[in-house]
Amino acid sequence: MGFFSKTVQFLREHLAKTRQKIGSSLSSILTIGRKIDAELLNELEQTLISDDIGVETTERLIEDLRQAWKAGEISASEDIVPFLKEQMKKYWPAQDRQLRLAETGPTVILVAGINGSGKTTSIAKLAYILSRNGKKVIVAACDTFRAAAVEQLSIWAKRIGVEIVRHQQGSDPAAVAYDACEAAVSRNADYLILDTAGRLHTQKHLMDELGKIRSVVVRQIPTAPHEVLLVLDATTGQNAIMQAKMFTETVKVSGIFLAKLDGTARGGIVIAIKDMLDIPVKFVGLGEQPEDIAEFDPDEFVEALFA
C-alpha cells in the first residue's frame, strides 16, 4: 500500500521478547562446534514447537534440515539458524498482504475480535496511517454493547482526526453500520472502518449479530466489506488459532491484524497462523502509539526474529 515505512530495525526493537525467548532456547542447543545428529534435531524440534512456531511448520523445517544434513549441505550447529531463516521465508507464498480496495466508492473494512484483543487501538492505528496519507477515513462505533466502547473509539477518533458515526449505547449495531455506510458514500470517504462488539468465539448469538452487521453492509454497498480483519492478541499464543477458525466461519476473515506483538515472547504464532489457517497476517501492532503499526513482511519478520 506504500503507507508504511517500518524497517527491520523497528521490528527488531519490538520483537525483543520473542527473540530473547527463541534465542535463549536455541543457544542452549546450538552450541558452537556441535555437530548435527539425530539427537540435536529432536531437541530442535521440541524447542521450535514450544516457541509457538507450529507443529506442522516445525515438522517441515526439521525434515528439510534433515535432508540438507544428509546431503552434506550443512554439518554443524552454526549452519542451522541461517538455514532456518531461508526456509521460513520460503513458506510464505507471494500472496497479497495489501488491503483489498474498492474499485469505486469507499473501501469498507470490517474489524472483529474478542474483548481485550486490542481491537479498538488497532482500528485507531490503521485509521491514523490511512488519514495521514491523505485519505478520508470514517470509523463506525458498532460496538454498542460494552459501556465504554463507543466513548473509547470516539476519543481515538478525535485524537487522530477522523470522523466517527456513533449511536447511543445499547443501540442496534446493525443500524450503526447502516448509517455509517450511508455516511461513507455521501461524504465521499476513501475508507470506512467498522468496529464491532468484542465477543467470545464460543458465543453463538453474538457471532450471529456479527453476521447480521456484515449482511447490512453488503446490502448498502454490494461489493463490501472489501476486507474483514480479525484482531488477535499475540500474547494468547495457540488460542488465537481457535479464535481465527471460529470467526472465519461467521464473517469470512480475509486478514489478520496481530496486536501486542511487542509485549509477548510468543511471536512465533505468526508462523503458526499461516501454517494452520492460510490466512495472511496483514498488519502487526508494535506499541502503544498510533504510528506503531507495520505491514507484515515475512522476510523482514524472519530477519528481526533471529537478529
Protein backbone atom coordinates (compact mmCIF):
# COMPACT_ATOMS: atom_id res chain seq x y z
CA MET A 1 0.00 0.00 0.00
CA GLY A 2 3.03 2.22 0.34
CA PHE A 3 1.85 3.90 3.54
CA PHE A 4 4.09 2.03 5.90
CA SER A 5 7.80 2.68 6.34
CA LYS A 6 8.65 0.45 9.28
CA THR A 7 12.01 -1.27 8.89
CA VAL A 8 13.72 -4.43 10.08
CA GLN A 9 15.30 -2.31 12.83
CA PHE A 10 11.85 -1.22 14.03
CA LEU A 11 10.64 -4.82 14.10
CA ARG A 12 13.86 -5.93 15.75
CA GLU A 13 13.34 -3.48 18.60
CA HIS A 14 9.72 -4.51 19.15
CA LEU A 15 10.27 -8.25 18.89
CA ALA A 16 12.83 -8.27 21.67
CA LYS A 17 10.84 -10.55 23.99
CA THR A 18 10.16 -13.14 21.31
CA ARG A 19 13.73 -13.01 20.06
CA GLN A 20 15.13 -13.41 23.56
CA LYS A 21 12.96 -16.47 24.15
CA ILE A 22 13.86 -18.12 20.86
CA GLY A 23 17.49 -17.06 21.14
CA SER A 24 17.79 -18.47 24.63
CA SER A 25 16.18 -21.74 23.56
CA LEU A 26 18.39 -22.14 20.51
CA SER A 27 21.63 -21.12 22.20
CA SER A 28 21.26 -23.93 24.72
CA ILE A 29 21.09 -26.41 21.84
CA LEU A 30 23.18 -24.91 19.06
CA THR A 31 26.46 -24.64 20.90
CA ILE A 32 29.44 -23.65 18.78
CA GLY A 33 31.08 -26.61 17.13
CA ARG A 34 28.30 -29.09 17.95
CA LYS A 35 27.78 -31.49 15.08
CA ILE A 36 24.33 -32.12 13.69
CA ASP A 37 22.89 -35.50 14.61
CA ALA A 38 19.52 -37.12 15.33
CA GLU A 39 19.60 -36.03 18.97
CA LEU A 40 20.19 -32.38 18.06
CA LEU A 41 17.35 -32.45 15.51
CA ASN A 42 14.96 -33.91 18.08
CA GLU A 43 15.89 -31.23 20.62
CA LEU A 44 15.48 -28.52 18.00
CA GLU A 45 12.04 -29.80 17.01
CA GLN A 46 10.76 -29.65 20.58
CA THR A 47 12.21 -26.17 21.03
CA LEU A 48 10.57 -24.72 17.93
CA ILE A 49 7.19 -26.21 18.89
CA SER A 50 7.46 -24.72 22.38
CA ASP A 51 8.19 -21.34 20.77
CA ASP A 52 4.77 -21.41 19.04
CA ILE A 53 6.21 -21.94 15.56
CA GLY A 54 3.51 -24.55 14.92
CA VAL A 55 3.71 -28.32 14.80
CA GLU A 56 3.28 -28.77 11.05
CA THR A 57 5.70 -25.98 10.17
CA THR A 58 8.25 -27.30 12.65
CA GLU A 59 7.99 -30.79 11.21
CA ARG A 60 8.61 -29.45 7.71
CA LEU A 61 11.54 -27.36 8.88
CA ILE A 62 13.14 -30.30 10.66
CA GLU A 63 12.64 -32.60 7.67
CA ASP A 64 14.21 -30.04 5.33
CA LEU A 65 17.05 -29.66 7.80
CA ARG A 66 17.50 -33.43 8.00
CA GLN A 67 17.65 -33.77 4.21
CA ALA A 68 20.18 -30.93 3.93
CA TRP A 69 22.31 -32.58 6.62
CA LYS A 70 22.21 -35.97 4.92
CA ALA A 71 23.13 -34.32 1.61
CA GLY A 72 26.15 -32.70 3.23
CA GLU A 73 24.87 -29.17 2.67
CA ILE A 74 25.16 -28.37 6.38
CA SER A 75 27.16 -30.11 9.08
CA ALA A 76 27.46 -28.02 12.25
CA SER A 77 25.10 -26.21 14.59
CA GLU A 78 26.17 -22.76 13.39
CA ASP A 79 24.72 -23.63 9.95
CA ILE A 80 21.24 -24.15 11.34
CA VAL A 81 19.94 -20.61 12.00
CA PRO A 82 20.85 -19.30 8.51
CA PHE A 83 19.19 -22.40 7.07
CA LEU A 84 16.03 -21.93 9.17
CA LYS A 85 15.76 -18.30 8.15
CA GLU A 86 15.88 -19.09 4.45
CA GLN A 87 13.40 -21.95 4.76
CA MET A 88 10.91 -19.94 6.81
CA LYS A 89 10.89 -17.17 4.22
CA LYS A 90 10.03 -19.70 1.53
CA TYR A 91 6.95 -20.95 3.37
CA TRP A 92 5.09 -17.71 2.70
CA PRO A 93 3.89 -17.55 -0.90
CA ALA A 94 3.78 -14.23 -2.69
CA GLN A 95 0.15 -13.73 -1.67
CA ASP A 96 -1.33 -10.29 -1.39
CA ARG A 97 -0.89 -8.83 2.07
CA GLN A 98 -2.10 -5.42 0.94
CA LEU A 99 -5.53 -4.10 1.87
CA ARG A 100 -8.16 -5.04 -0.67
CA LEU A 101 -9.52 -1.83 -2.17
CA ALA A 102 -12.90 -0.94 -3.66
CA GLU A 103 -12.91 -0.22 -7.37
CA THR A 104 -15.32 2.65 -6.78
CA GLY A 105 -16.64 4.28 -3.63
CA PRO A 106 -15.39 3.70 -0.10
CA THR A 107 -13.27 0.73 0.87
CA VAL A 108 -15.10 -0.93 3.75
CA ILE A 109 -13.09 -2.71 6.44
CA LEU A 110 -15.00 -4.80 8.98
CA VAL A 111 -12.98 -5.42 12.14
CA ALA A 112 -13.71 -8.25 14.55
CA GLY A 113 -12.10 -9.76 17.63
CA ILE A 114 -12.76 -10.69 21.25
CA ASN A 115 -12.74 -8.20 24.11
CA GLY A 116 -9.23 -7.39 25.23
CA SER A 117 -7.59 -8.29 21.94
CA GLY A 118 -6.58 -4.69 21.25
CA LYS A 119 -9.24 -4.21 18.59
CA THR A 120 -10.12 -0.55 19.15
CA THR A 121 -6.49 0.52 19.38
CA SER A 122 -5.68 -1.44 16.22
CA ILE A 123 -8.52 0.32 14.39
CA ALA A 124 -7.13 3.66 15.54
CA LYS A 125 -3.66 2.77 14.26
CA LEU A 126 -4.97 1.78 10.85
CA ALA A 127 -7.20 4.86 10.59
CA TYR A 128 -4.30 7.07 11.66
CA ILE A 129 -1.94 5.78 8.99
CA LEU A 130 -4.55 6.00 6.24
CA SER A 131 -5.61 9.53 7.19
CA ARG A 132 -2.01 10.72 7.46
CA ASN A 133 -1.55 9.64 3.86
CA GLY A 134 -4.28 11.92 2.61
CA LYS A 135 -7.21 9.51 2.76
CA LYS A 136 -10.62 10.43 4.13
CA VAL A 137 -11.44 7.91 6.84
CA ILE A 138 -14.68 7.33 8.76
CA VAL A 139 -14.87 4.95 11.70
CA ALA A 140 -18.13 3.44 12.92
CA ALA A 141 -18.77 2.51 16.55
CA CYS A 142 -20.83 -0.65 16.05
CA ASP A 143 -19.79 -1.98 19.46
CA THR A 144 -22.86 -0.65 21.28
CA PHE A 145 -22.94 -3.39 23.94
CA ARG A 146 -19.92 -2.51 26.05
CA ALA A 147 -20.34 0.60 28.19
CA ALA A 148 -17.07 2.30 27.32
CA ALA A 149 -16.64 1.06 23.75
CA VAL A 150 -18.32 3.95 21.92
CA GLU A 151 -16.59 6.51 24.09
CA GLN A 152 -13.21 4.83 23.65
CA LEU A 153 -13.47 4.89 19.86
CA SER A 154 -14.74 8.48 19.97
CA ILE A 155 -11.70 9.56 21.97
CA TRP A 156 -9.40 7.87 19.47
CA ALA A 157 -11.25 9.44 16.51
CA LYS A 158 -10.82 12.92 17.98
CA ARG A 159 -7.17 12.26 18.80
CA ILE A 160 -6.23 11.12 15.30
CA GLY A 161 -8.57 13.50 13.48
CA VAL A 162 -11.05 11.23 11.71
CA GLU A 163 -14.84 11.28 11.54
CA ILE A 164 -16.96 8.87 13.56
CA VAL A 165 -20.51 7.56 13.19
CA ARG A 166 -21.99 6.57 16.54
CA HIS A 167 -25.29 5.89 18.30
CA GLN A 168 -26.14 5.64 21.95
CA GLN A 169 -25.03 2.66 24.00
CA GLY A 170 -27.46 -0.22 23.58
CA SER A 171 -28.47 0.78 20.05
CA ASP A 172 -28.78 -1.81 17.30
CA PRO A 173 -25.22 -2.38 15.98
CA ALA A 174 -26.57 -3.12 12.50
CA ALA A 175 -28.31 0.29 12.48
CA VAL A 176 -24.97 1.96 13.18
CA ALA A 177 -23.44 0.03 10.30
CA TYR A 178 -26.32 1.12 8.04
CA ASP A 179 -25.87 4.80 8.88
CA ALA A 180 -22.09 4.52 8.56
CA CYS A 181 -22.35 3.09 5.06
CA GLU A 182 -24.69 5.91 4.04
CA ALA A 183 -22.32 8.48 5.53
CA ALA A 184 -19.26 6.99 3.82
CA VAL A 185 -20.95 7.13 0.43
CA SER A 186 -22.50 10.59 0.80
CA ARG A 187 -19.30 12.14 2.20
CA ASN A 188 -17.05 10.52 -0.43
CA ALA A 189 -14.93 8.73 2.14
CA ASP A 190 -12.00 6.68 0.98
CA TYR A 191 -12.24 4.22 3.87
CA LEU A 192 -14.94 3.12 6.28
CA ILE A 193 -13.69 1.09 9.25
CA LEU A 194 -16.37 -0.63 11.32
CA ASP A 195 -15.66 -1.57 14.92
CA THR A 196 -17.77 -4.46 16.19
CA ALA A 197 -18.56 -5.76 19.65
CA GLY A 198 -15.85 -7.84 21.20
CA ARG A 199 -17.25 -11.29 21.63
CA LEU A 200 -16.07 -14.75 22.51
CA HIS A 201 -15.91 -17.04 19.52
CA THR A 202 -17.99 -19.55 21.55
CA GLN A 203 -20.98 -17.18 21.95
CA LYS A 204 -23.17 -18.14 19.00
CA HIS A 205 -25.83 -15.46 19.48
CA LEU A 206 -23.20 -12.73 19.45
CA MET A 207 -21.44 -14.26 16.47
CA ASP A 208 -24.82 -14.24 14.69
CA GLU A 209 -25.06 -10.49 15.43
CA LEU A 210 -21.71 -10.03 13.76
CA GLY A 211 -23.02 -11.86 10.71
CA LYS A 212 -26.04 -9.51 10.70
CA ILE A 213 -23.75 -6.47 10.58
CA ARG A 214 -21.94 -7.98 7.62
CA SER A 215 -25.25 -8.57 5.83
CA VAL A 216 -26.31 -4.95 6.32
CA VAL A 217 -23.01 -3.75 4.89
CA VAL A 218 -23.44 -5.98 1.83
CA ARG A 219 -26.93 -4.60 1.18
CA GLN A 220 -25.76 -1.00 1.45
CA ILE A 221 -22.53 -1.38 -0.53
CA PRO A 222 -22.82 -4.55 -2.63
CA THR A 223 -19.08 -5.12 -3.05
CA ALA A 224 -18.40 -4.63 0.67
CA PRO A 225 -16.89 -5.50 3.02
CA HIS A 226 -13.73 -5.41 0.97
CA GLU A 227 -11.67 -6.56 3.92
CA VAL A 228 -12.56 -8.45 7.10
CA LEU A 229 -9.75 -8.08 9.59
CA LEU A 230 -9.58 -10.19 12.71
CA VAL A 231 -7.59 -8.66 15.54
CA LEU A 232 -5.74 -11.31 17.53
CA ASP A 233 -3.79 -10.77 20.72
CA ALA A 234 -0.32 -12.18 20.10
CA THR A 235 0.09 -12.92 23.80
CA THR A 236 -2.60 -15.62 23.66
CA GLY A 237 -0.41 -17.96 21.64
CA GLN A 238 -2.10 -21.05 20.23
CA ASN A 239 -5.56 -19.99 21.49
CA ALA A 240 -5.52 -17.39 18.74
CA ILE A 241 -5.78 -20.21 16.20
CA MET A 242 -9.16 -21.37 17.53
CA GLN A 243 -10.46 -17.80 17.58
CA ALA A 244 -9.48 -17.33 13.95
CA LYS A 245 -11.19 -20.55 12.89
CA MET A 246 -14.49 -19.62 14.53
CA PHE A 247 -14.57 -16.02 13.29
CA THR A 248 -13.74 -17.13 9.76
CA GLU A 249 -16.80 -19.39 9.74
CA THR A 250 -19.02 -16.39 10.59
CA VAL A 251 -17.58 -13.45 8.68
CA LYS A 252 -15.07 -14.90 6.21
CA VAL A 253 -11.92 -13.36 7.67
CA SER A 254 -9.59 -12.15 4.92
CA GLY A 255 -6.66 -10.95 7.01
CA ILE A 256 -5.18 -10.88 10.49
CA PHE A 257 -4.14 -7.83 12.50
CA LEU A 258 -1.80 -9.25 15.14
CA ALA A 259 -1.85 -6.88 18.10
CA LYS A 260 0.51 -6.60 21.10
CA LEU A 261 3.33 -8.33 19.27
CA ASP A 262 5.82 -6.16 21.10
CA GLY A 263 4.58 -7.31 24.50
CA THR A 264 4.92 -11.06 24.08
CA ALA A 265 7.53 -13.78 23.85
CA ARG A 266 5.18 -15.73 21.58
CA GLY A 267 5.79 -14.02 18.24
CA GLY A 268 6.22 -17.40 16.60
CA ILE A 269 2.42 -17.54 16.49
CA VAL A 270 2.66 -15.50 13.26
CA ILE A 271 4.17 -18.53 11.58
CA ALA A 272 1.63 -20.93 13.11
CA ILE A 273 -1.31 -18.81 11.89
CA LYS A 274 -0.09 -19.00 8.31
CA ASP A 275 0.71 -22.70 8.67
CA MET A 276 -2.63 -23.79 10.11
CA LEU A 277 -5.12 -21.33 8.60
CA ASP A 278 -3.56 -19.93 5.45
CA ILE A 279 -4.97 -16.50 6.35
CA PRO A 280 -2.45 -13.75 5.69
CA VAL A 281 -1.20 -11.67 8.59
CA LYS A 282 -1.57 -8.20 7.07
CA PHE A 283 -0.65 -5.92 9.96
CA VAL A 284 1.16 -6.13 13.27
CA GLY A 285 0.75 -3.82 16.23
CA LEU A 286 4.05 -2.95 17.86
CA GLY A 287 3.49 -0.41 20.61
CA GLU A 288 1.00 1.98 22.19
CA GLN A 289 1.22 4.96 19.82
CA PRO A 290 -1.00 5.41 16.72
CA GLU A 291 2.01 5.12 14.42
CA ASP A 292 3.13 1.81 15.95
CA ILE A 293 1.80 -0.33 13.13
CA ALA A 294 3.60 -2.19 10.37
CA GLU A 295 2.57 -4.14 7.32
CA PHE A 296 3.60 -7.73 7.80
CA ASP A 297 6.54 -8.68 5.62
CA PRO A 298 7.77 -12.28 6.00
CA ASP A 299 11.38 -11.54 5.08
CA GLU A 300 11.67 -8.61 7.48
CA PHE A 301 9.85 -10.54 10.21
CA VAL A 302 12.19 -13.54 9.99
CA GLU A 303 15.27 -11.32 9.95
CA ALA A 304 14.01 -9.47 13.02
CA LEU A 305 13.09 -12.72 14.76
CA PHE A 306 16.62 -14.08 14.50
CA ALA A 307 18.55 -10.79 14.59
